[in-house]
Structure formats: C-alpha cells, structure tokens
Amino acid sequence: MPLFDLQAQSEFAEDRPRSQLLYDSEAARVVLFNLRAGQTVPPHSAPVRVMMLVVAGQGQFRTGEDTFRVRPGYLAICEPNQPHGFSAEEDLTVLATIAPRPG
C-alpha cells in the first residue's frame, strides 16, 4: 500500500498551479494540487465524480454555480459533468480523488 506524506509531497510553482499524480488505477486517480496565493484552476467538468479535500491553506471552491470559501478539512464532492475548480487566497494544497479514472 502506498503511503504519502502530503506536506513533504507539496511542491509549488511560481508561474502556475502545480499538480502531482500520486496514484492512478482504473478505479481512481489521486492528484495533489498546490497553488500559490492568487493562482486558479479554472472551472471545468469531467464525466466522473471528483472529490476535493483542502489539506492546507485557504481559498475558494467552485462547484456547479456555487462558490464556497474553504480551509483545511473542507471536502467538496462534484457529481459527473458538474463544473468544478478552485482558487487560492493563500498558498493552497488540495487533494483530488477522481473516480473512476477518466478514459
């Protein structure tokens, strides 16, 4: 079983959000996103379920037409084809689980 120290895995880029693929199988994909304050992952949709968990920092999640201020411990679950994205008010780390893995 893989074990990840998410704080140790967190790497930021100054010019864009950084994503790191931590796990990939047909059942699910797990991606760690790190955003500097002011960076954004624009809203987009996928034909799969996406669960986004704030690990560190503060920012905003967009799910569908709604926008929520979030901090560590907040979890958003987006249904298939529901637009979703997020932005960082301060350095932000988000763990996204995508299930099943997009084709």
Protein backbone atom coordinates (compact mmCIF):
# COMPACT_ATOMS: atom_id res chain seq x y z
CA MET A 1 0.00 0.00 0.00
CA PRO A 2 1.47 3.38 -0.97
CA LEU A 3 1.86 5.88 1.86
CA PHE A 4 2.22 9.60 1.17
CA ASP A 5 3.34 12.47 3.38
CA LEU A 6 1.29 15.20 1.71
CA GLN A 7 3.25 18.03 3.32
CA ALA A 8 6.53 16.57 2.06
CA GLN A 9 4.99 15.99 -1.40
CA SER A 10 3.79 19.58 -1.72
CA GLU A 11 5.74 21.49 -4.35
CA PHE A 12 4.71 24.89 -5.65
CA ALA A 13 5.44 26.70 -8.91
CA GLU A 14 5.53 30.48 -9.03
CA ASP A 15 4.01 30.80 -12.50
CA ARG A 16 1.14 28.27 -12.43
CA PRO A 17 -0.73 25.77 -10.26
CA ARG A 18 1.26 22.57 -9.84
CA SER A 19 -0.32 19.11 -9.95
CA GLN A 20 1.29 15.82 -8.95
CA LEU A 21 -0.19 12.44 -9.79
CA LEU A 22 0.04 10.34 -6.62
CA TYR A 23 -2.00 7.30 -7.63
CA ASP A 24 -3.51 6.02 -10.83
CA SER A 25 -5.67 2.96 -11.48
CA GLU A 26 -8.82 2.17 -13.43
CA ALA A 27 -10.82 2.64 -10.22
CA ALA A 28 -9.46 6.07 -9.24
CA ARG A 29 -6.87 8.74 -9.77
CA VAL A 30 -5.45 10.82 -6.88
CA VAL A 31 -3.85 14.18 -7.66
CA LEU A 32 -2.21 16.71 -5.31
CA PHE A 33 -2.67 20.34 -6.39
CA ASN A 34 -0.54 23.16 -4.98
CA LEU A 35 -1.41 26.78 -5.73
CA ARG A 36 0.32 29.95 -4.67
CA ALA A 37 -1.92 32.79 -3.49
CA GLY A 38 -3.79 34.21 -6.47
CA GLN A 39 -3.47 31.12 -8.67
CA THR A 40 -6.57 29.38 -10.03
CA VAL A 41 -7.63 26.07 -11.53
CA PRO A 42 -10.42 27.31 -13.83
CA PRO A 43 -13.82 25.62 -13.69
CA HIS A 44 -14.05 22.57 -15.91
CA SER A 45 -16.09 19.37 -15.97
CA ALA A 46 -15.46 15.66 -16.44
CA PRO A 47 -17.76 12.65 -16.84
CA VAL A 48 -16.62 11.27 -13.46
CA ARG A 49 -17.02 12.08 -9.75
CA VAL A 50 -14.39 14.45 -8.28
CA MET A 51 -13.75 14.83 -4.54
CA MET A 52 -11.61 17.80 -3.47
CA LEU A 53 -10.16 18.00 0.06
CA VAL A 54 -8.30 21.05 1.39
CA VAL A 55 -5.09 19.87 3.04
CA ALA A 56 -3.55 23.30 3.77
CA GLY A 57 -4.23 26.96 3.12
CA GLN A 58 -7.37 28.88 2.28
CA GLY A 59 -9.22 29.63 -0.90
CA GLN A 60 -12.44 29.09 -2.78
CA PHE A 61 -14.03 26.05 -4.39
CA ARG A 62 -16.47 26.36 -7.24
CA THR A 63 -18.93 23.51 -7.66
CA GLY A 64 -21.67 23.96 -10.21
CA GLU A 65 -22.93 27.52 -9.83
CA ASP A 66 -21.86 27.80 -6.17
CA THR A 67 -18.65 29.24 -4.71
CA PHE A 68 -17.50 28.36 -1.18
CA ARG A 69 -14.68 29.73 0.98
CA VAL A 70 -12.64 26.76 2.21
CA ARG A 71 -9.84 25.91 4.65
CA PRO A 72 -8.17 22.67 5.83
CA GLY A 73 -10.66 19.88 6.37
CA TYR A 74 -13.24 21.09 3.83
CA LEU A 75 -14.36 18.48 1.31
CA ALA A 76 -16.37 19.10 -1.85
CA ILE A 77 -17.88 16.27 -3.89
CA CYS A 78 -18.70 17.07 -7.51
CA GLU A 79 -21.00 14.82 -9.46
CA PRO A 80 -20.17 13.77 -13.03
CA ASN A 81 -20.28 16.66 -15.52
CA GLN A 82 -20.64 19.23 -12.71
CA PRO A 83 -18.28 22.18 -13.27
CA HIS A 84 -15.62 22.49 -10.56
CA GLY A 85 -12.47 24.47 -9.92
CA PHE A 86 -10.64 26.30 -7.14
CA SER A 87 -8.53 29.34 -6.36
CA ALA A 88 -6.03 30.20 -3.64
CA GLU A 89 -6.40 33.16 -1.29
CA GLU A 90 -3.17 32.00 0.37
CA ASP A 91 -0.94 29.07 -0.58
CA LEU A 92 -3.39 26.20 -1.03
CA THR A 93 -2.97 22.41 -1.16
CA VAL A 94 -5.90 20.33 -2.44
CA LEU A 95 -6.07 16.55 -2.69
CA ALA A 96 -8.38 15.50 -5.53
CA THR A 97 -9.73 11.99 -5.94
CA ILE A 98 -11.26 11.26 -9.33
CA ALA A 99 -13.38 8.13 -9.63
CA PRO A 100 -13.41 6.26 -11.81
CA ARG A 101 -10.31 7.38 -13.68
CA PRO A 102 -11.32 9.37 -16.76
CA GLY A 103 -10.99 7.44 -20.01
